[in-house]
Amino acid sequence: MTNSGRMYLLLSRYTKPLAEVDRHVIAHRAFLDRYYASGDLIVSGPMEPREGGVIIANTMPRERLDAMLAEDPFVRERVSEYQVIEFHAARRHAALAELVSLQ
């Protein structure tokens, strides 16, 4: 099986109080911006209530995803942990056709 169509739902849970998390938000957003620019991230945002966040990552090998997450300032500073849910994208909105492969 190729990596085409294999995507990831990333659930981030804060492990420290919000005041400590907030000290790393600017660096975390720069991390997100870098991976949006490369096409590796599709959507992200905080959970409600704000206990963590959600990211949908584009198709890539799992090893690449793990390396990418290790760069996240939230992970490096140990203020958040990710649960990674891998799924095979079987359908997509037409607007995502150029971004998400289903093969």
PDB file of N, CA and C in Angstrom:
ATOM      1  N   MET A   1       0.844  -1.189   0.000  1.00  0.00           N
ATOM      2  CA  MET A   1       0.000   0.000   0.000  1.00  0.00           C
ATOM      3  C   MET A   1       0.886   1.248   0.000  1.00  0.00           C
ATOM      4  N   THR A   2       0.543   2.214  -0.812  1.00  0.00           N
ATOM      5  CA  THR A   2       1.287   3.471  -0.834  1.00  0.00           C
ATOM      6  C   THR A   2       0.764   4.379   0.268  1.00  0.00           C
ATOM      7  N   ASN A   3       1.402   5.524   0.421  1.00  0.00           N
ATOM      8  CA  ASN A   3       0.947   6.490   1.409  1.00  0.00           C
ATOM      9  C   ASN A   3      -0.191   7.343   0.891  1.00  0.00           C
ATOM     10  N   SER A   4      -0.496   7.241  -0.402  1.00  0.00           N
ATOM     11  CA  SER A   4      -1.581   8.036  -0.957  1.00  0.00           C
ATOM     12  C   SER A   4      -2.876   7.701  -0.238  1.00  0.00           C
ATOM     13  N   GLY A   5      -3.596   8.726   0.143  1.00  0.00           N
ATOM     14  CA  GLY A   5      -4.864   8.541   0.827  1.00  0.00           C
ATOM     15  C   GLY A   5      -4.734   8.340   2.325  1.00  0.00           C
ATOM     16  N   ARG A   6      -3.530   8.024   2.824  1.00  0.00           N
ATOM     17  CA  ARG A   6      -3.324   7.817   4.260  1.00  0.00           C
ATOM     18  C   ARG A   6      -3.110   9.173   4.905  1.00  0.00           C
ATOM     19  N   MET A   7      -4.043   9.542   5.758  1.00  0.00           N
ATOM     20  CA  MET A   7      -3.995  10.849   6.412  1.00  0.00           C
ATOM     21  C   MET A   7      -4.010  10.641   7.919  1.00  0.00           C
ATOM     22  N   TYR A   8      -3.930  11.755   8.647  1.00  0.00           N
ATOM     23  CA  TYR A   8      -3.822  11.671  10.101  1.00  0.00           C
ATOM     24  C   TYR A   8      -4.703  12.715  10.778  1.00  0.00           C
ATOM     25  N   LEU A   9      -5.423  12.271  11.775  1.00  0.00           N
ATOM     26  CA  LEU A   9      -6.135  13.153  12.685  1.00  0.00           C
ATOM     27  C   LEU A   9      -5.279  13.207  13.934  1.00  0.00           C
ATOM     28  N   LEU A  10      -4.846  14.401  14.296  1.00  0.00           N
ATOM     29  CA  LEU A  10      -3.956  14.597  15.438  1.00  0.00           C
ATOM     30  C   LEU A  10      -4.722  15.299  16.544  1.00  0.00           C
ATOM     31  N   LEU A  11      -4.808  14.644  17.678  1.00  0.00           N
ATOM     32  CA  LEU A  11      -5.484  15.227  18.839  1.00  0.00           C
ATOM     33  C   LEU A  11      -4.424  15.587  19.867  1.00  0.00           C
ATOM     34  N   SER A  12      -4.296  16.871  20.122  1.00  0.00           N
ATOM     35  CA  SER A  12      -3.328  17.372  21.077  1.00  0.00           C
ATOM     36  C   SER A  12      -4.032  17.602  22.414  1.00  0.00           C
ATOM     37  N   ARG A  13      -3.438  17.102  23.473  1.00  0.00           N
ATOM     38  CA  ARG A  13      -3.968  17.326  24.828  1.00  0.00           C
ATOM     39  C   ARG A  13      -2.900  18.036  25.648  1.00  0.00           C
ATOM     40  N   TYR A  14      -3.295  19.166  26.234  1.00  0.00           N
ATOM     41  CA  TYR A  14      -2.343  19.907  27.058  1.00  0.00           C
ATOM     42  C   TYR A  14      -2.009  19.129  28.317  1.00  0.00           C
ATOM     43  N   THR A  15      -0.741  19.127  28.670  1.00  0.00           N
ATOM     44  CA  THR A  15      -0.268  18.424  29.861  1.00  0.00           C
ATOM     45  C   THR A  15       0.148  19.395  30.963  1.00  0.00           C
ATOM     46  N   LYS A  16       0.101  20.689  30.646  1.00  0.00           N
ATOM     47  CA  LYS A  16       0.463  21.739  31.607  1.00  0.00           C
ATOM     48  C   LYS A  16      -0.662  22.767  31.651  1.00  0.00           C
ATOM     49  N   PRO A  17      -0.695  23.633  32.654  1.00  0.00           N
ATOM     50  CA  PRO A  17      -1.718  24.683  32.725  1.00  0.00           C
ATOM     51  C   PRO A  17      -1.649  25.615  31.509  1.00  0.00           C
ATOM     52  N   LEU A  18      -2.784  26.210  31.162  1.00  0.00           N
ATOM     53  CA  LEU A  18      -2.871  27.094  30.000  1.00  0.00           C
ATOM     54  C   LEU A  18      -1.847  28.223  30.036  1.00  0.00           C
ATOM     55  N   ALA A  19      -1.553  28.746  31.203  1.00  0.00           N
ATOM     56  CA  ALA A  19      -0.565  29.835  31.296  1.00  0.00           C
ATOM     57  C   ALA A  19       0.783  29.376  30.750  1.00  0.00           C
ATOM     58  N   GLU A  20       1.147  28.144  31.004  1.00  0.00           N
ATOM     59  CA  GLU A  20       2.415  27.619  30.488  1.00  0.00           C
ATOM     60  C   GLU A  20       2.309  27.321  28.993  1.00  0.00           C
ATOM     61  N   VAL A  21       1.181  26.764  28.564  1.00  0.00           N
ATOM     62  CA  VAL A  21       0.942  26.507  27.135  1.00  0.00           C
ATOM     63  C   VAL A  21       1.044  27.815  26.356  1.00  0.00           C
ATOM     64  N   ASP A  22       0.400  28.861  26.874  1.00  0.00           N
ATOM     65  CA  ASP A  22       0.346  30.152  26.174  1.00  0.00           C
ATOM     66  C   ASP A  22       1.729  30.758  25.932  1.00  0.00           C
ATOM     67  N   ARG A  23       2.711  30.409  26.747  1.00  0.00           N
ATOM     68  CA  ARG A  23       4.067  30.929  26.543  1.00  0.00           C
ATOM     69  C   ARG A  23       4.696  30.401  25.258  1.00  0.00           C
ATOM     70  N   HIS A  24       4.117  29.339  24.701  1.00  0.00           N
ATOM     71  CA  HIS A  24       4.687  28.699  23.514  1.00  0.00           C
ATOM     72  C   HIS A  24       3.779  28.810  22.286  1.00  0.00           C
ATOM     73  N   VAL A  25       2.690  29.555  22.388  1.00  0.00           N
ATOM     74  CA  VAL A  25       1.725  29.647  21.289  1.00  0.00           C
ATOM     75  C   VAL A  25       2.334  30.282  20.038  1.00  0.00           C
ATOM     76  N   ILE A  26       3.102  31.345  20.178  1.00  0.00           N
ATOM     77  CA  ILE A  26       3.679  32.004  18.998  1.00  0.00           C
ATOM     78  C   ILE A  26       4.606  31.048  18.246  1.00  0.00           C
ATOM     79  N   ALA A  27       5.448  30.330  18.967  1.00  0.00           N
ATOM     80  CA  ALA A  27       6.347  29.365  18.327  1.00  0.00           C
ATOM     81  C   ALA A  27       5.554  28.214  17.707  1.00  0.00           C
ATOM     82  N   HIS A  28       4.495  27.762  18.367  1.00  0.00           N
ATOM     83  CA  HIS A  28       3.645  26.697  17.833  1.00  0.00           C
ATOM     84  C   HIS A  28       2.980  27.151  16.536  1.00  0.00           C
ATOM     85  N   ARG A  29       2.509  28.384  16.502  1.00  0.00           N
ATOM     86  CA  ARG A  29       1.873  28.894  15.282  1.00  0.00           C
ATOM     87  C   ARG A  29       2.872  29.004  14.142  1.00  0.00           C
ATOM     88  N   ALA A  30       4.109  29.367  14.435  1.00  0.00           N
ATOM     89  CA  ALA A  30       5.149  29.410  13.397  1.00  0.00           C
ATOM     90  C   ALA A  30       5.406  28.000  12.856  1.00  0.00           C
ATOM     91  N   PHE A  31       5.414  27.020  13.743  1.00  0.00           N
ATOM     92  CA  PHE A  31       5.538  25.612  13.332  1.00  0.00           C
ATOM     93  C   PHE A  31       4.390  25.240  12.397  1.00  0.00           C
ATOM     94  N   LEU A  32       3.161  25.569  12.783  1.00  0.00           N
ATOM     95  CA  LEU A  32       2.004  25.276  11.927  1.00  0.00           C
ATOM     96  C   LEU A  32       2.127  25.970  10.574  1.00  0.00           C
ATOM     97  N   ASP A  33       2.505  27.246  10.583  1.00  0.00           N
ATOM     98  CA  ASP A  33       2.650  28.003   9.331  1.00  0.00           C
ATOM     99  C   ASP A  33       3.629  27.326   8.377  1.00  0.00           C
ATOM    100  N   ARG A  34       4.741  26.842   8.913  1.00  0.00           N
ATOM    101  CA  ARG A  34       5.760  26.186   8.085  1.00  0.00           C
ATOM    102  C   ARG A  34       5.175  24.954   7.394  1.00  0.00           C
ATOM    103  N   TYR A  35       4.368  24.184   8.118  1.00  0.00           N
ATOM    104  CA  TYR A  35       3.823  22.964   7.536  1.00  0.00           C
ATOM    105  C   TYR A  35       2.552  23.200   6.726  1.00  0.00           C
ATOM    106  N   TYR A  36       1.868  24.305   6.940  1.00  0.00           N
ATOM    107  CA  TYR A  36       0.811  24.699   6.001  1.00  0.00           C
ATOM    108  C   TYR A  36       1.445  25.086   4.666  1.00  0.00           C
ATOM    109  N   ALA A  37       2.542  25.825   4.718  1.00  0.00           N
ATOM    110  CA  ALA A  37       3.220  26.271   3.498  1.00  0.00           C
ATOM    111  C   ALA A  37       3.727  25.090   2.673  1.00  0.00           C
ATOM    112  N   SER A  38       4.128  24.014   3.335  1.00  0.00           N
ATOM    113  CA  SER A  38       4.635  22.837   2.617  1.00  0.00           C
ATOM    114  C   SER A  38       3.504  21.928   2.134  1.00  0.00           C
ATOM    115  N   GLY A  39       2.263  22.213   2.551  1.00  0.00           N
ATOM    116  CA  GLY A  39       1.129  21.380   2.149  1.00  0.00           C
ATOM    117  C   GLY A  39       0.898  20.177   3.042  1.00  0.00           C
ATOM    118  N   ASP A  40       1.646  20.080   4.136  1.00  0.00           N
ATOM    119  CA  ASP A  40       1.519  18.922   5.020  1.00  0.00           C
ATOM    120  C   ASP A  40       0.331  19.010   5.977  1.00  0.00           C
ATOM    121  N   LEU A  41      -0.148  20.214   6.253  1.00  0.00           N
ATOM    122  CA  LEU A  41      -1.299  20.385   7.134  1.00  0.00           C
ATOM    123  C   LEU A  41      -2.474  20.921   6.336  1.00  0.00           C
ATOM    124  N   ILE A  42      -3.677  20.493   6.733  1.00  0.00           N
ATOM    125  CA  ILE A  42      -4.883  20.895   6.015  1.00  0.00           C
ATOM    126  C   ILE A  42      -5.753  21.821   6.853  1.00  0.00           C
ATOM    127  N   VAL A  43      -5.912  21.514   8.124  1.00  0.00           N
ATOM    128  CA  VAL A  43      -6.746  22.340   9.008  1.00  0.00           C
ATOM    129  C   VAL A  43      -6.299  22.097  10.446  1.00  0.00           C
ATOM    130  N   SER A  44      -6.454  23.123  11.291  1.00  0.00           N
ATOM    131  CA  SER A  44      -6.113  22.971  12.708  1.00  0.00           C
ATOM    132  C   SER A  44      -6.869  23.997  13.525  1.00  0.00           C
ATOM    133  N   GLY A  45      -6.943  23.741  14.815  1.00  0.00           N
ATOM    134  CA  GLY A  45      -7.568  24.696  15.715  1.00  0.00           C
ATOM    135  C   GLY A  45      -7.695  24.141  17.114  1.00  0.00           C
ATOM    136  N   PRO A  46      -7.982  25.033  18.072  1.00  0.00           N
ATOM    137  CA  PRO A  46      -8.110  24.595  19.462  1.00  0.00           C
ATOM    138  C   PRO A  46      -9.422  23.849  19.694  1.00  0.00           C
ATOM    139  N   MET A  47      -9.389  22.946  20.662  1.00  0.00           N
ATOM    140  CA  MET A  47     -10.607  22.266  21.095  1.00  0.00           C
ATOM    141  C   MET A  47     -11.448  23.243  21.904  1.00  0.00           C
ATOM    142  N   GLU A  48     -12.699  22.912  22.060  1.00  0.00           N
ATOM    143  CA  GLU A  48     -13.591  23.694  22.915  1.00  0.00           C
ATOM    144  C   GLU A  48     -14.234  22.743  23.908  1.00  0.00           C
ATOM    145  N   PRO A  49     -13.981  22.819  25.187  1.00  0.00           N
ATOM    146  CA  PRO A  49     -13.145  23.811  25.855  1.00  0.00           C
ATOM    147  C   PRO A  49     -11.675  23.622  25.482  1.00  0.00           C
ATOM    148  N   ARG A  50     -10.886  24.642  25.749  1.00  0.00           N
ATOM    149  CA  ARG A  50      -9.483  24.690  25.326  1.00  0.00           C
ATOM    150  C   ARG A  50      -8.613  23.785  26.207  1.00  0.00           C
ATOM    151  N   GLU A  51      -8.662  22.497  25.868  1.00  0.00           N
ATOM    152  CA  GLU A  51      -7.879  21.486  26.572  1.00  0.00           C
ATOM    153  C   GLU A  51      -6.807  20.886  25.676  1.00  0.00           C
ATOM    154  N   GLY A  52      -6.749  21.387  24.442  1.00  0.00           N
ATOM    155  CA  GLY A  52      -5.820  20.874  23.446  1.00  0.00           C
ATOM    156  C   GLY A  52      -6.239  21.388  22.089  1.00  0.00           C
ATOM    157  N   GLY A  53      -5.844  20.670  21.055  1.00  0.00           N
ATOM    158  CA  GLY A  53      -6.173  21.098  19.707  1.00  0.00           C
ATOM    159  C   GLY A  53      -6.347  19.920  18.779  1.00  0.00           C
ATOM    160  N   VAL A  54      -6.780  20.226  17.558  1.00  0.00           N
ATOM    161  CA  VAL A  54      -7.015  19.224  16.534  1.00  0.00           C
ATOM    162  C   VAL A  54      -6.308  19.668  15.259  1.00  0.00           C
ATOM    163  N   ILE A  55      -5.642  18.727  14.612  1.00  0.00           N
ATOM    164  CA  ILE A  55      -4.982  18.984  13.334  1.00  0.00           C
ATOM    165  C   ILE A  55      -5.333  17.843  12.393  1.00  0.00           C
ATOM    166  N   ILE A  56      -5.585  18.174  11.127  1.00  0.00           N
ATOM    167  CA  ILE A  56      -5.670  17.150  10.089  1.00  0.00           C
ATOM    168  C   ILE A  56      -4.437  17.323   9.218  1.00  0.00           C
ATOM    169  N   ALA A  57      -3.634  16.256   9.163  1.00  0.00           N
ATOM    170  CA  ALA A  57      -2.398  16.267   8.383  1.00  0.00           C
ATOM    171  C   ALA A  57      -2.603  15.518   7.076  1.00  0.00           C
ATOM    172  N   ASN A  58      -1.973  16.014   6.048  1.00  0.00           N
ATOM    173  CA  ASN A  58      -2.084  15.449   4.714  1.00  0.00           C
ATOM    174  C   ASN A  58      -1.349  14.116   4.625  1.00  0.00           C
ATOM    175  N   THR A  59      -1.428  13.498   3.463  1.00  0.00           N
ATOM    176  CA  THR A  59      -0.793  12.209   3.230  1.00  0.00           C
ATOM    177  C   THR A  59       0.726  12.333   3.340  1.00  0.00           C
ATOM    178  N   MET A  60       1.324  11.375   4.054  1.00  0.00           N
ATOM    179  CA  MET A  60       2.777  11.298   4.214  1.00  0.00           C
ATOM    180  C   MET A  60       3.091   9.994   4.920  1.00  0.00           C
ATOM    181  N   PRO A  61       4.329   9.532   4.825  1.00  0.00           N
ATOM    182  CA  PRO A  61       4.719   8.368   5.612  1.00  0.00           C
ATOM    183  C   PRO A  61       4.650   8.686   7.110  1.00  0.00           C
ATOM    184  N   ARG A  62       4.367   7.688   7.910  1.00  0.00           N
ATOM    185  CA  ARG A  62       4.250   7.884   9.355  1.00  0.00           C
ATOM    186  C   ARG A  62       5.554   8.418   9.948  1.00  0.00           C
ATOM    187  N   GLU A  63       6.686   7.962   9.437  1.00  0.00           N
ATOM    188  CA  GLU A  63       7.976   8.418   9.943  1.00  0.00           C
ATOM    189  C   GLU A  63       8.144   9.925   9.747  1.00  0.00           C
ATOM    190  N   ARG A  64       7.672  10.423   8.617  1.00  0.00           N
ATOM    191  CA  ARG A  64       7.751  11.863   8.358  1.00  0.00           C
ATOM    192  C   ARG A  64       6.854  12.628   9.323  1.00  0.00           C
ATOM    193  N   LEU A  65       5.651  12.104   9.564  1.00  0.00           N
ATOM    194  CA  LEU A  65       4.742  12.744  10.513  1.00  0.00           C
ATOM    195  C   LEU A  65       5.379  12.807  11.901  1.00  0.00           C
ATOM    196  N   ASP A  66       5.958  11.690  12.345  1.00  0.00           N
ATOM    197  CA  ASP A  66       6.579  11.660  13.670  1.00  0.00           C
ATOM    198  C   ASP A  66       7.712  12.675  13.781  1.00  0.00           C
ATOM    199  N   ALA A  67       8.521  12.794  12.728  1.00  0.00           N
ATOM    200  CA  ALA A  67       9.611  13.771  12.728  1.00  0.00           C
ATOM    201  C   ALA A  67       9.058  15.193  12.776  1.00  0.00           C
ATOM    202  N   MET A  68       7.974  15.435  12.036  1.00  0.00           N
ATOM    203  CA  MET A  68       7.344  16.757  12.025  1.00  0.00           C
ATOM    204  C   MET A  68       6.823  17.103  13.423  1.00  0.00           C
ATOM    205  N   LEU A  69       6.119  16.180  14.052  1.00  0.00           N
ATOM    206  CA  LEU A  69       5.558  16.449  15.384  1.00  0.00           C
ATOM    207  C   LEU A  69       6.654  16.682  16.420  1.00  0.00           C
ATOM    208  N   ALA A  70       7.788  16.040  16.258  1.00  0.00           N
ATOM    209  CA  ALA A  70       8.899  16.241  17.196  1.00  0.00           C
ATOM    210  C   ALA A  70       9.416  17.675  17.147  1.00  0.00           C
ATOM    211  N   GLU A  71       9.163  18.383  16.042  1.00  0.00           N
ATOM    212  CA  GLU A  71       9.576  19.781  15.909  1.00  0.00           C
ATOM    213  C   GLU A  71       8.604  20.755  16.567  1.00  0.00           C
ATOM    214  N   ASP A  72       7.401  20.304  16.893  1.00  0.00           N
ATOM    215  CA  ASP A  72       6.389  21.192  17.469  1.00  0.00           C
ATOM    216  C   ASP A  72       6.874  21.708  18.827  1.00  0.00           C
ATOM    217  N   PRO A  73       6.930  23.026  19.002  1.00  0.00           N
ATOM    218  CA  PRO A  73       7.345  23.577  20.294  1.00  0.00           C
ATOM    219  C   PRO A  73       6.501  23.070  21.465  1.00  0.00           C
ATOM    220  N   PHE A  74       5.224  22.795  21.243  1.00  0.00           N
ATOM    221  CA  PHE A  74       4.391  22.253  22.319  1.00  0.00           C
ATOM    222  C   PHE A  74       4.929  20.889  22.779  1.00  0.00           C
ATOM    223  N   VAL A  75       5.417  20.092  21.841  1.00  0.00           N
ATOM    224  CA  VAL A  75       5.979  18.781  22.180  1.00  0.00           C
ATOM    225  C   VAL A  75       7.354  18.952  22.812  1.00  0.00           C
ATOM    226  N   ARG A  76       8.193  19.776  22.180  1.00  0.00           N
ATOM    227  CA  ARG A  76       9.557  19.987  22.704  1.00  0.00           C
ATOM    228  C   ARG A  76       9.546  20.515  24.131  1.00  0.00           C
ATOM    229  N   GLU A  77       8.591  21.395  24.422  1.00  0.00           N
ATOM    230  CA  GLU A  77       8.513  21.989  25.758  1.00  0.00           C
ATOM    231  C   GLU A  77       7.647  21.170  26.715  1.00  0.00           C
ATOM    232  N   ARG A  78       7.131  20.049  26.220  1.00  0.00           N
ATOM    233  CA  ARG A  78       6.339  19.100  27.019  1.00  0.00           C
ATOM    234  C   ARG A  78       5.092  19.725  27.642  1.00  0.00           C
ATOM    235  N   VAL A  79       4.431  20.595  26.857  1.00  0.00           N
ATOM    236  CA  VAL A  79       3.176  21.174  27.336  1.00  0.00           C
ATOM    237  C   VAL A  79       1.968  20.505  26.678  1.00  0.00           C
ATOM    238  N   SER A  80       2.236  19.589  25.734  1.00  0.00           N
ATOM    239  CA  SER A  80       1.165  18.903  25.026  1.00  0.00           C
ATOM    240  C   SER A  80       1.657  17.554  24.523  1.00  0.00           C
ATOM    241  N   GLU A  81       0.731  16.621  24.375  1.00  0.00           N
ATOM    242  CA  GLU A  81       1.013  15.306  23.795  1.00  0.00           C
ATOM    243  C   GLU A  81      -0.005  15.051  22.689  1.00  0.00           C
ATOM    244  N   TYR A  82       0.429  14.347  21.634  1.00  0.00           N
ATOM    245  CA  TYR A  82      -0.455  14.045  20.517  1.00  0.00           C
ATOM    246  C   TYR A  82      -0.938  12.603  20.554  1.00  0.00           C
ATOM    247  N   GLN A  83      -2.207  12.426  20.260  1.00  0.00           N
ATOM    248  CA  GLN A  83      -2.747  11.122  19.908  1.00  0.00           C
ATOM    249  C   GLN A  83      -2.863  11.154  18.387  1.00  0.00           C
ATOM    250  N   VAL A  84      -2.270  10.183  17.719  1.00  0.00           N
ATOM    251  CA  VAL A  84      -2.278  10.132  16.261  1.00  0.00           C
ATOM    252  C   VAL A  84      -3.252   9.058  15.817  1.00  0.00           C
ATOM    253  N   ILE A  85      -4.234   9.476  15.035  1.00  0.00           N
ATOM    254  CA  ILE A  85      -5.208   8.549  14.468  1.00  0.00           C
ATOM    255  C   ILE A  85      -4.986   8.533  12.961  1.00  0.00           C
ATOM    256  N   GLU A  86      -4.513   7.403  12.468  1.00  0.00           N
ATOM    257  CA  GLU A  86      -4.255   7.244  11.042  1.00  0.00           C
ATOM    258  C   GLU A  86      -5.533   6.739  10.373  1.00  0.00           C
ATOM    259  N   PHE A  87      -5.844   7.313   9.214  1.00  0.00           N
ATOM    260  CA  PHE A  87      -7.015   6.827   8.479  1.00  0.00           C
ATOM    261  C   PHE A  87      -6.754   6.909   6.983  1.00  0.00           C
ATOM    262  N   HIS A  88      -7.491   6.107   6.244  1.00  0.00           N
ATOM    263  CA  HIS A  88      -7.380   6.110   4.792  1.00  0.00           C
ATOM    264  C   HIS A  88      -8.497   6.983   4.241  1.00  0.00           C
ATOM    265  N   ALA A  89      -8.119   8.063   3.590  1.00  0.00           N
ATOM    266  CA  ALA A  89      -9.102   8.991   3.023  1.00  0.00           C
ATOM    267  C   ALA A  89      -9.745   8.339   1.800  1.00  0.00           C
ATOM    268  N   ALA A  90     -10.980   7.919   1.948  1.00  0.00           N
ATOM    269  CA  ALA A  90     -11.696   7.252   0.862  1.00  0.00           C
ATOM    270  C   ALA A  90     -12.539   8.227   0.039  1.00  0.00           C
ATOM    271  N   ARG A  91     -12.931   9.339   0.643  1.00  0.00           N
ATOM    272  CA  ARG A  91     -13.720  10.365  -0.049  1.00  0.00           C
ATOM    273  C   ARG A  91     -13.223  11.731   0.384  1.00  0.00           C
ATOM    274  N   ARG A  92     -13.464  12.722  -0.475  1.00  0.00           N
ATOM    275  CA  ARG A  92     -13.051  14.086  -0.153  1.00  0.00           C
ATOM    276  C   ARG A  92     -13.962  15.061  -0.878  1.00  0.00           C
ATOM    277  N   HIS A  93     -14.022  16.276  -0.380  1.00  0.00           N
ATOM    278  CA  HIS A  93     -14.742  17.352  -1.049  1.00  0.00           C
ATOM    279  C   HIS A  93     -13.972  17.706  -2.318  1.00  0.00           C
ATOM    280  N   ALA A  94     -14.688  18.044  -3.372  1.00  0.00           N
ATOM    281  CA  ALA A  94     -14.055  18.368  -4.653  1.00  0.00           C
ATOM    282  C   ALA A  94     -13.024  19.494  -4.525  1.00  0.00           C
ATOM    283  N   ALA A  95     -13.244  20.417  -3.606  1.00  0.00           N
ATOM    284  CA  ALA A  95     -12.311  21.532  -3.428  1.00  0.00           C
ATOM    285  C   ALA A  95     -10.944  21.061  -2.938  1.00  0.00           C
ATOM    286  N   LEU A  96     -10.859  19.857  -2.405  1.00  0.00           N
ATOM    287  CA  LEU A  96      -9.589  19.328  -1.901  1.00  0.00           C
ATOM    288  C   LEU A  96      -8.889  18.406  -2.894  1.00  0.00           C
ATOM    289  N   ALA A  97      -9.431  18.266  -4.097  1.00  0.00           N
ATOM    290  CA  ALA A  97      -8.908  17.304  -5.064  1.00  0.00           C
ATOM    291  C   ALA A  97      -7.426  17.514  -5.372  1.00  0.00           C
ATOM    292  N   GLU A  98      -6.967  18.749  -5.459  1.00  0.00           N
ATOM    293  CA  GLU A  98      -5.560  18.989  -5.757  1.00  0.00           C
ATOM    294  C   GLU A  98      -4.662  18.806  -4.540  1.00  0.00           C
ATOM    295  N   LEU A  99      -5.247  18.795  -3.354  1.00  0.00           N
ATOM    296  CA  LEU A  99      -4.467  18.711  -2.124  1.00  0.00           C
ATOM    297  C   LEU A  99      -4.383  17.298  -1.572  1.00  0.00           C
ATOM    298  N   VAL A 100      -5.457  16.529  -1.682  1.00  0.00           N
ATOM    299  CA  VAL A 100      -5.538  15.219  -1.044  1.00  0.00           C
ATOM    300  C   VAL A 100      -5.718  14.129  -2.100  1.00  0.00           C
ATOM    301  N   SER A 101      -4.760  13.209  -2.148  1.00  0.00           N
ATOM    302  CA  SER A 101      -4.838  12.088  -3.067  1.00  0.00           C
ATOM    303  C   SER A 101      -5.603  10.944  -2.427  1.00  0.00           C
ATOM    304  N   LEU A 102      -6.439  10.261  -3.219  1.00  0.00           N
ATOM    305  CA  LEU A 102      -7.207   9.115  -2.700  1.00  0.00           C
ATOM    306  C   LEU A 102      -6.672   7.778  -3.210  1.00  0.00           C
ATOM    307  N   GLN A 103      -5.599   7.768  -3.936  1.00  0.00           N
ATOM    308  CA  GLN A 103      -5.079   6.510  -4.500  1.00  0.00           C
ATOM    309  C   GLN A 103      -4.504   5.631  -3.447  1.00  0.00           C
TER     310      GLN A 103
END
